[in-house]
N, C-alpha and C. Protein backbone atom coordinates (compact mmCIF):
# COMPACT_ATOMS: atom_id res chain seq x y z
N MET A 1 31.22 46.61 3.12
CA MET A 1 30.21 47.56 2.73
C MET A 1 29.59 48.17 3.99
N ILE A 2 29.29 49.44 3.93
CA ILE A 2 28.72 50.14 5.08
C ILE A 2 27.33 49.59 5.41
N ASP A 3 27.02 49.48 6.70
CA ASP A 3 25.73 48.98 7.15
C ASP A 3 24.79 50.16 7.38
N LEU A 4 23.72 50.21 6.62
CA LEU A 4 22.77 51.32 6.73
C LEU A 4 21.50 50.95 7.49
N SER A 5 21.44 49.75 8.05
CA SER A 5 20.20 49.31 8.69
C SER A 5 19.76 50.23 9.82
N ASP A 6 20.70 50.89 10.47
CA ASP A 6 20.34 51.82 11.55
C ASP A 6 19.79 53.15 11.03
N ARG A 7 19.81 53.35 9.71
CA ARG A 7 19.31 54.60 9.11
C ARG A 7 17.92 54.46 8.51
N VAL A 8 17.32 53.26 8.60
CA VAL A 8 15.98 53.04 8.05
C VAL A 8 15.01 54.03 8.70
N GLY A 9 14.21 54.67 7.86
CA GLY A 9 13.25 55.65 8.33
C GLY A 9 13.80 57.06 8.42
N GLN A 10 15.09 57.21 8.15
CA GLN A 10 15.74 58.52 8.26
C GLN A 10 16.05 59.12 6.89
N GLU A 11 16.13 60.43 6.87
CA GLU A 11 16.56 61.12 5.67
C GLU A 11 18.06 60.93 5.49
N LEU A 12 18.47 60.56 4.28
CA LEU A 12 19.89 60.38 3.98
C LEU A 12 20.53 61.69 3.52
N GLY A 13 19.73 62.58 2.97
CA GLY A 13 20.28 63.86 2.54
C GLY A 13 19.46 64.50 1.44
N VAL A 14 19.94 65.67 1.02
CA VAL A 14 19.27 66.47 0.00
C VAL A 14 20.29 66.83 -1.06
N GLY A 15 19.92 66.64 -2.32
CA GLY A 15 20.82 66.95 -3.43
C GLY A 15 20.84 68.43 -3.77
N GLU A 16 21.65 68.76 -4.77
CA GLU A 16 21.79 70.13 -5.24
C GLU A 16 20.64 70.48 -6.19
N TRP A 17 20.35 71.76 -6.28
CA TRP A 17 19.34 72.24 -7.23
C TRP A 17 19.83 72.07 -8.66
N MET A 18 18.90 71.73 -9.55
CA MET A 18 19.19 71.59 -10.98
C MET A 18 18.10 72.33 -11.75
N GLU A 19 18.50 73.17 -12.69
CA GLU A 19 17.52 73.88 -13.51
C GLU A 19 17.04 72.97 -14.63
N VAL A 20 15.74 72.99 -14.86
CA VAL A 20 15.14 72.25 -15.97
C VAL A 20 14.99 73.24 -17.12
N THR A 21 15.85 73.11 -18.11
CA THR A 21 15.89 74.06 -19.23
C THR A 21 15.04 73.57 -20.40
N GLN A 22 14.69 74.51 -21.27
CA GLN A 22 13.95 74.13 -22.47
C GLN A 22 14.81 73.23 -23.36
N ASP A 23 16.12 73.48 -23.40
CA ASP A 23 17.00 72.61 -24.19
C ASP A 23 16.94 71.17 -23.71
N ARG A 24 16.91 70.98 -22.39
CA ARG A 24 16.83 69.62 -21.84
C ARG A 24 15.48 68.98 -22.20
N VAL A 25 14.41 69.76 -22.07
CA VAL A 25 13.07 69.25 -22.40
C VAL A 25 13.01 68.89 -23.89
N ASP A 26 13.55 69.74 -24.74
CA ASP A 26 13.55 69.47 -26.18
C ASP A 26 14.36 68.21 -26.51
N ALA A 27 15.52 68.05 -25.87
CA ALA A 27 16.35 66.85 -26.11
C ALA A 27 15.60 65.59 -25.67
N PHE A 28 14.90 65.67 -24.54
CA PHE A 28 14.13 64.52 -24.08
C PHE A 28 12.98 64.23 -25.05
N ALA A 29 12.33 65.28 -25.53
CA ALA A 29 11.26 65.10 -26.51
C ALA A 29 11.78 64.40 -27.76
N ASP A 30 12.96 64.80 -28.22
CA ASP A 30 13.55 64.16 -29.40
C ASP A 30 13.89 62.70 -29.12
N ALA A 31 14.45 62.44 -27.94
CA ALA A 31 14.86 61.07 -27.60
C ALA A 31 13.67 60.13 -27.44
N THR A 32 12.53 60.66 -27.00
CA THR A 32 11.36 59.80 -26.72
C THR A 32 10.24 59.97 -27.73
N ASP A 33 10.45 60.85 -28.71
CA ASP A 33 9.44 61.15 -29.72
C ASP A 33 8.12 61.62 -29.09
N ASP A 34 8.24 62.40 -28.03
CA ASP A 34 7.07 62.97 -27.35
C ASP A 34 7.14 64.49 -27.47
N HIS A 35 6.52 65.00 -28.51
CA HIS A 35 6.56 66.43 -28.81
C HIS A 35 5.23 67.11 -28.53
N GLN A 36 4.54 66.65 -27.50
CA GLN A 36 3.25 67.26 -27.15
C GLN A 36 3.45 68.76 -26.89
N TRP A 37 2.51 69.55 -27.29
CA TRP A 37 2.63 71.01 -27.23
C TRP A 37 2.88 71.55 -25.83
N ILE A 38 2.47 70.86 -24.79
CA ILE A 38 2.68 71.36 -23.43
C ILE A 38 4.16 71.39 -23.05
N HIS A 39 5.00 70.71 -23.84
CA HIS A 39 6.43 70.66 -23.56
C HIS A 39 7.23 71.62 -24.46
N GLN A 40 6.57 72.23 -25.42
CA GLN A 40 7.26 73.05 -26.41
C GLN A 40 7.12 74.54 -26.08
N ALA A 41 8.21 75.27 -26.24
CA ALA A 41 8.17 76.72 -26.04
C ALA A 41 7.28 77.33 -27.11
N GLY A 42 6.53 78.32 -26.71
CA GLY A 42 5.69 79.02 -27.68
C GLY A 42 4.38 79.48 -27.07
N GLU A 43 3.63 80.17 -27.90
CA GLU A 43 2.39 80.79 -27.46
C GLU A 43 1.36 79.78 -26.96
N LYS A 44 1.26 78.65 -27.63
CA LYS A 44 0.26 77.66 -27.22
C LYS A 44 0.51 77.18 -25.78
N ALA A 45 1.75 76.84 -25.46
CA ALA A 45 2.07 76.40 -24.10
C ALA A 45 1.93 77.56 -23.11
N ASN A 46 2.34 78.76 -23.53
CA ASN A 46 2.23 79.92 -22.65
C ASN A 46 0.79 80.23 -22.28
N ASN A 47 -0.13 79.96 -23.19
CA ASN A 47 -1.55 80.20 -22.94
C ASN A 47 -2.27 78.95 -22.44
N GLY A 48 -1.54 77.88 -22.24
CA GLY A 48 -2.12 76.61 -21.80
C GLY A 48 -2.34 76.56 -20.29
N PRO A 49 -2.73 75.40 -19.81
CA PRO A 49 -3.11 75.26 -18.40
C PRO A 49 -1.98 75.46 -17.40
N PHE A 50 -0.72 75.39 -17.85
CA PHE A 50 0.41 75.50 -16.92
C PHE A 50 1.13 76.84 -17.02
N GLY A 51 0.66 77.72 -17.91
CA GLY A 51 1.25 79.05 -18.03
C GLY A 51 2.61 79.06 -18.71
N GLY A 52 2.97 77.98 -19.34
CA GLY A 52 4.25 77.85 -20.03
C GLY A 52 4.56 76.38 -20.22
N PRO A 53 5.63 76.08 -20.95
CA PRO A 53 5.97 74.68 -21.18
C PRO A 53 6.41 73.99 -19.89
N ILE A 54 6.10 72.70 -19.82
CA ILE A 54 6.47 71.89 -18.65
C ILE A 54 7.34 70.72 -19.10
N ALA A 55 8.11 70.21 -18.16
CA ALA A 55 8.93 69.02 -18.41
C ALA A 55 8.03 67.79 -18.48
N HIS A 56 8.44 66.82 -19.24
CA HIS A 56 7.76 65.53 -19.26
C HIS A 56 7.89 64.90 -17.87
N GLY A 57 6.86 64.21 -17.42
CA GLY A 57 6.96 63.50 -16.15
C GLY A 57 8.11 62.50 -16.17
N PHE A 58 8.26 61.81 -17.29
CA PHE A 58 9.33 60.82 -17.37
C PHE A 58 10.72 61.47 -17.45
N LEU A 59 10.80 62.71 -17.93
CA LEU A 59 12.07 63.44 -17.85
C LEU A 59 12.40 63.69 -16.39
N THR A 60 11.43 64.17 -15.64
CA THR A 60 11.64 64.41 -14.21
C THR A 60 12.11 63.13 -13.53
N LEU A 61 11.45 62.01 -13.84
CA LEU A 61 11.83 60.72 -13.27
C LEU A 61 13.25 60.34 -13.68
N SER A 62 13.60 60.57 -14.93
CA SER A 62 14.93 60.18 -15.41
C SER A 62 16.05 60.99 -14.75
N LEU A 63 15.71 62.11 -14.17
CA LEU A 63 16.71 62.94 -13.48
C LEU A 63 16.95 62.49 -12.04
N LEU A 64 16.27 61.43 -11.62
CA LEU A 64 16.41 60.96 -10.24
C LEU A 64 17.87 60.67 -9.88
N THR A 65 18.60 60.01 -10.76
CA THR A 65 20.00 59.68 -10.45
C THR A 65 20.86 60.93 -10.27
N PRO A 66 20.86 61.88 -11.20
CA PRO A 66 21.68 63.06 -10.94
C PRO A 66 21.18 63.91 -9.77
N LEU A 67 19.88 63.87 -9.50
CA LEU A 67 19.34 64.66 -8.39
C LEU A 67 19.69 64.08 -7.03
N THR A 68 19.90 62.77 -6.98
CA THR A 68 20.16 62.11 -5.69
C THR A 68 21.53 61.44 -5.63
N GLY A 69 22.25 61.43 -6.73
CA GLY A 69 23.52 60.69 -6.81
C GLY A 69 24.55 61.09 -5.78
N ALA A 70 24.73 62.39 -5.57
CA ALA A 70 25.73 62.85 -4.60
C ALA A 70 25.34 62.44 -3.19
N VAL A 71 24.05 62.48 -2.89
CA VAL A 71 23.56 62.06 -1.57
C VAL A 71 23.83 60.57 -1.37
N MET A 72 23.49 59.78 -2.37
CA MET A 72 23.65 58.33 -2.25
C MET A 72 25.12 57.93 -2.22
N GLN A 73 25.97 58.61 -2.98
CA GLN A 73 27.38 58.26 -3.06
C GLN A 73 28.04 58.23 -1.69
N VAL A 74 27.65 59.15 -0.84
CA VAL A 74 28.19 59.22 0.52
C VAL A 74 27.91 57.94 1.29
N HIS A 75 26.76 57.32 0.99
CA HIS A 75 26.31 56.15 1.74
C HIS A 75 26.68 54.82 1.07
N LEU A 76 27.35 54.87 -0.06
CA LEU A 76 27.66 53.65 -0.80
C LEU A 76 29.11 53.21 -0.63
N GLU A 77 29.77 53.73 0.37
CA GLU A 77 31.17 53.40 0.63
C GLU A 77 31.35 51.89 0.72
N GLY A 78 32.32 51.38 0.01
CA GLY A 78 32.60 49.96 0.05
C GLY A 78 31.87 49.15 -1.01
N ALA A 79 30.92 49.75 -1.68
CA ALA A 79 30.21 49.03 -2.74
C ALA A 79 31.05 49.04 -4.01
N VAL A 80 31.19 47.89 -4.63
CA VAL A 80 31.93 47.78 -5.89
C VAL A 80 31.03 48.21 -7.04
N MET A 81 29.73 47.94 -6.90
CA MET A 81 28.80 48.23 -7.97
C MET A 81 27.43 48.52 -7.37
N ALA A 82 26.75 49.50 -7.93
CA ALA A 82 25.37 49.82 -7.56
C ALA A 82 24.53 49.79 -8.83
N ILE A 83 23.40 49.09 -8.78
CA ILE A 83 22.52 49.04 -9.95
C ILE A 83 21.10 49.41 -9.55
N ASN A 84 20.41 50.07 -10.46
CA ASN A 84 18.99 50.32 -10.26
C ASN A 84 18.26 49.01 -10.48
N TYR A 85 17.48 48.60 -9.48
CA TYR A 85 16.77 47.33 -9.58
C TYR A 85 15.32 47.53 -10.00
N GLY A 86 14.78 48.70 -9.74
CA GLY A 86 13.42 48.97 -10.17
C GLY A 86 12.76 50.06 -9.34
N LEU A 87 11.50 50.26 -9.66
CA LEU A 87 10.69 51.26 -8.97
C LEU A 87 9.46 50.56 -8.40
N ASP A 88 9.12 50.88 -7.17
CA ASP A 88 7.91 50.32 -6.57
C ASP A 88 6.72 51.25 -6.71
N ARG A 89 6.96 52.53 -6.67
CA ARG A 89 5.85 53.48 -6.71
C ARG A 89 6.37 54.81 -7.23
N VAL A 90 5.64 55.38 -8.18
CA VAL A 90 5.98 56.69 -8.73
C VAL A 90 4.71 57.51 -8.81
N ARG A 91 4.76 58.72 -8.28
CA ARG A 91 3.63 59.63 -8.39
C ARG A 91 4.14 60.98 -8.86
N PHE A 92 3.54 61.48 -9.95
CA PHE A 92 3.84 62.82 -10.45
C PHE A 92 2.80 63.75 -9.85
N ILE A 93 3.22 64.62 -8.96
CA ILE A 93 2.28 65.41 -8.17
C ILE A 93 2.09 66.81 -8.74
N THR A 94 3.17 67.47 -9.10
CA THR A 94 3.10 68.84 -9.60
C THR A 94 3.94 68.95 -10.87
N PRO A 95 3.39 69.56 -11.94
CA PRO A 95 4.19 69.75 -13.15
C PRO A 95 5.40 70.63 -12.88
N VAL A 96 6.48 70.34 -13.57
CA VAL A 96 7.72 71.12 -13.46
C VAL A 96 7.78 72.07 -14.66
N ARG A 97 7.63 73.35 -14.40
CA ARG A 97 7.70 74.34 -15.47
C ARG A 97 9.14 74.53 -15.91
N VAL A 98 9.31 74.71 -17.20
CA VAL A 98 10.63 74.99 -17.75
C VAL A 98 11.18 76.24 -17.06
N GLY A 99 12.44 76.18 -16.67
CA GLY A 99 13.08 77.26 -15.95
C GLY A 99 13.08 77.05 -14.44
N SER A 100 12.28 76.09 -13.97
CA SER A 100 12.25 75.77 -12.54
C SER A 100 13.51 75.04 -12.15
N ARG A 101 13.79 75.07 -10.84
CA ARG A 101 14.90 74.28 -10.31
C ARG A 101 14.31 73.20 -9.41
N ILE A 102 14.88 72.00 -9.55
CA ILE A 102 14.42 70.86 -8.77
C ILE A 102 15.60 70.22 -8.04
N ARG A 103 15.30 69.48 -6.99
CA ARG A 103 16.33 68.73 -6.27
C ARG A 103 15.69 67.50 -5.65
N GLY A 104 16.53 66.54 -5.26
CA GLY A 104 16.05 65.30 -4.65
C GLY A 104 16.33 65.25 -3.17
N ARG A 105 15.33 64.79 -2.42
CA ARG A 105 15.46 64.56 -0.97
C ARG A 105 15.24 63.07 -0.77
N VAL A 106 16.21 62.39 -0.14
CA VAL A 106 16.20 60.93 -0.07
C VAL A 106 16.00 60.44 1.36
N LYS A 107 15.07 59.51 1.51
CA LYS A 107 14.81 58.85 2.80
C LYS A 107 15.01 57.35 2.59
N LEU A 108 15.68 56.70 3.52
CA LEU A 108 15.88 55.25 3.45
C LEU A 108 14.66 54.55 4.04
N VAL A 109 14.05 53.67 3.26
CA VAL A 109 12.83 52.98 3.68
C VAL A 109 13.12 51.57 4.17
N GLU A 110 14.06 50.88 3.49
CA GLU A 110 14.29 49.47 3.82
C GLU A 110 15.70 49.06 3.40
N VAL A 111 16.29 48.17 4.17
CA VAL A 111 17.57 47.54 3.83
C VAL A 111 17.35 46.04 3.90
N LYS A 112 17.66 45.36 2.80
CA LYS A 112 17.40 43.93 2.73
C LYS A 112 18.64 43.21 2.21
N PRO A 113 19.14 42.21 2.94
CA PRO A 113 20.30 41.46 2.44
C PRO A 113 19.93 40.67 1.17
N ILE A 114 20.83 40.64 0.22
CA ILE A 114 20.69 39.82 -0.98
C ILE A 114 22.02 39.09 -1.19
N GLU A 115 22.03 38.13 -2.10
CA GLU A 115 23.26 37.40 -2.36
C GLU A 115 24.35 38.37 -2.82
N ASN A 116 25.47 38.36 -2.15
CA ASN A 116 26.64 39.20 -2.45
C ASN A 116 26.41 40.70 -2.27
N GLY A 117 25.39 41.07 -1.49
CA GLY A 117 25.18 42.50 -1.31
C GLY A 117 23.96 42.84 -0.48
N VAL A 118 23.41 43.99 -0.78
CA VAL A 118 22.27 44.50 -0.04
C VAL A 118 21.37 45.28 -1.00
N GLN A 119 20.07 45.23 -0.74
CA GLN A 119 19.11 46.00 -1.53
C GLN A 119 18.55 47.12 -0.66
N LEU A 120 18.59 48.33 -1.19
CA LEU A 120 18.04 49.48 -0.50
C LEU A 120 16.75 49.91 -1.18
N LYS A 121 15.74 50.20 -0.38
CA LYS A 121 14.54 50.86 -0.90
C LYS A 121 14.58 52.28 -0.36
N THR A 122 14.50 53.23 -1.27
CA THR A 122 14.50 54.64 -0.87
C THR A 122 13.23 55.31 -1.35
N GLU A 123 12.87 56.37 -0.65
CA GLU A 123 11.79 57.24 -1.10
C GLU A 123 12.43 58.58 -1.41
N SER A 124 12.37 58.95 -2.67
CA SER A 124 12.94 60.22 -3.10
C SER A 124 11.82 61.19 -3.43
N THR A 125 11.90 62.35 -2.84
CA THR A 125 10.95 63.42 -3.13
C THR A 125 11.67 64.43 -4.01
N ILE A 126 11.13 64.65 -5.20
CA ILE A 126 11.71 65.64 -6.10
C ILE A 126 10.99 66.95 -5.84
N GLU A 127 11.74 67.87 -5.24
CA GLU A 127 11.18 69.15 -4.82
C GLU A 127 11.36 70.20 -5.92
N ILE A 128 10.42 71.14 -5.96
CA ILE A 128 10.50 72.28 -6.88
C ILE A 128 10.79 73.51 -6.03
N GLU A 129 11.83 74.22 -6.39
CA GLU A 129 12.20 75.41 -5.62
C GLU A 129 11.03 76.40 -5.57
N GLY A 130 10.68 76.84 -4.37
CA GLY A 130 9.61 77.81 -4.18
C GLY A 130 8.21 77.23 -4.14
N SER A 131 8.09 75.90 -4.21
CA SER A 131 6.78 75.25 -4.19
C SER A 131 6.62 74.41 -2.94
N ASP A 132 5.41 74.43 -2.39
CA ASP A 132 5.11 73.59 -1.23
C ASP A 132 4.84 72.14 -1.64
N ARG A 133 4.53 71.95 -2.92
CA ARG A 133 4.20 70.61 -3.42
C ARG A 133 5.36 70.07 -4.26
N PRO A 134 5.70 68.80 -4.06
CA PRO A 134 6.80 68.22 -4.84
C PRO A 134 6.38 67.93 -6.28
N ALA A 135 7.37 67.79 -7.13
CA ALA A 135 7.13 67.37 -8.50
C ALA A 135 6.74 65.90 -8.54
N ALA A 136 7.43 65.09 -7.73
CA ALA A 136 7.20 63.65 -7.74
C ALA A 136 7.69 63.03 -6.44
N VAL A 137 7.13 61.87 -6.14
CA VAL A 137 7.61 61.04 -5.04
C VAL A 137 7.84 59.66 -5.64
N VAL A 138 9.05 59.12 -5.42
CA VAL A 138 9.47 57.89 -6.09
C VAL A 138 10.05 56.92 -5.08
N GLU A 139 9.50 55.70 -5.03
CA GLU A 139 10.13 54.62 -4.27
C GLU A 139 10.97 53.82 -5.24
N SER A 140 12.25 53.73 -4.96
CA SER A 140 13.13 53.01 -5.87
C SER A 140 13.97 51.98 -5.12
N LEU A 141 14.42 50.99 -5.87
CA LEU A 141 15.24 49.91 -5.34
C LEU A 141 16.62 49.98 -5.98
N VAL A 142 17.64 49.94 -5.14
CA VAL A 142 19.03 49.94 -5.60
C VAL A 142 19.71 48.74 -4.97
N ARG A 143 20.43 48.00 -5.78
CA ARG A 143 21.20 46.86 -5.27
C ARG A 143 22.67 47.22 -5.25
N LEU A 144 23.28 46.98 -4.09
CA LEU A 144 24.71 47.25 -3.89
C LEU A 144 25.44 45.93 -3.77
N TYR A 145 26.54 45.83 -4.49
CA TYR A 145 27.37 44.63 -4.43
C TYR A 145 28.77 45.05 -4.02
N GLY A 146 29.39 44.21 -3.17
CA GLY A 146 30.73 44.60 -2.74
C GLY A 146 31.53 43.46 -2.19
């Protein structure tokens, strides 16, 4: 398995932009039974505090893997299996308006040996295209086995 200990404190990379569509927001609302009006297309959301419907914070969080997966895949060479071990810190900073594009920027925070593998702590910043403020900042733990 590749040794990433020399990359601690460094950015590992930036993922591709992904559009947050109303269809995706609606599907997430159906899956989680969270149909709050701020997430629904229509006049009420358009006249609401965000000027239109926004993605659920937990939808934004759930997109962490596709937003950062390509970046992480480059660094997981030699791993037989990678599992999400948990989250240490999650902050939702800026709402993601439907139609916005987001991407993940990944920084390696810690590398810790574990039995049969290594545990990585990363800090992922979910950026919103055209915004100075991120949608979220997430510290996550991934365990690699190989």
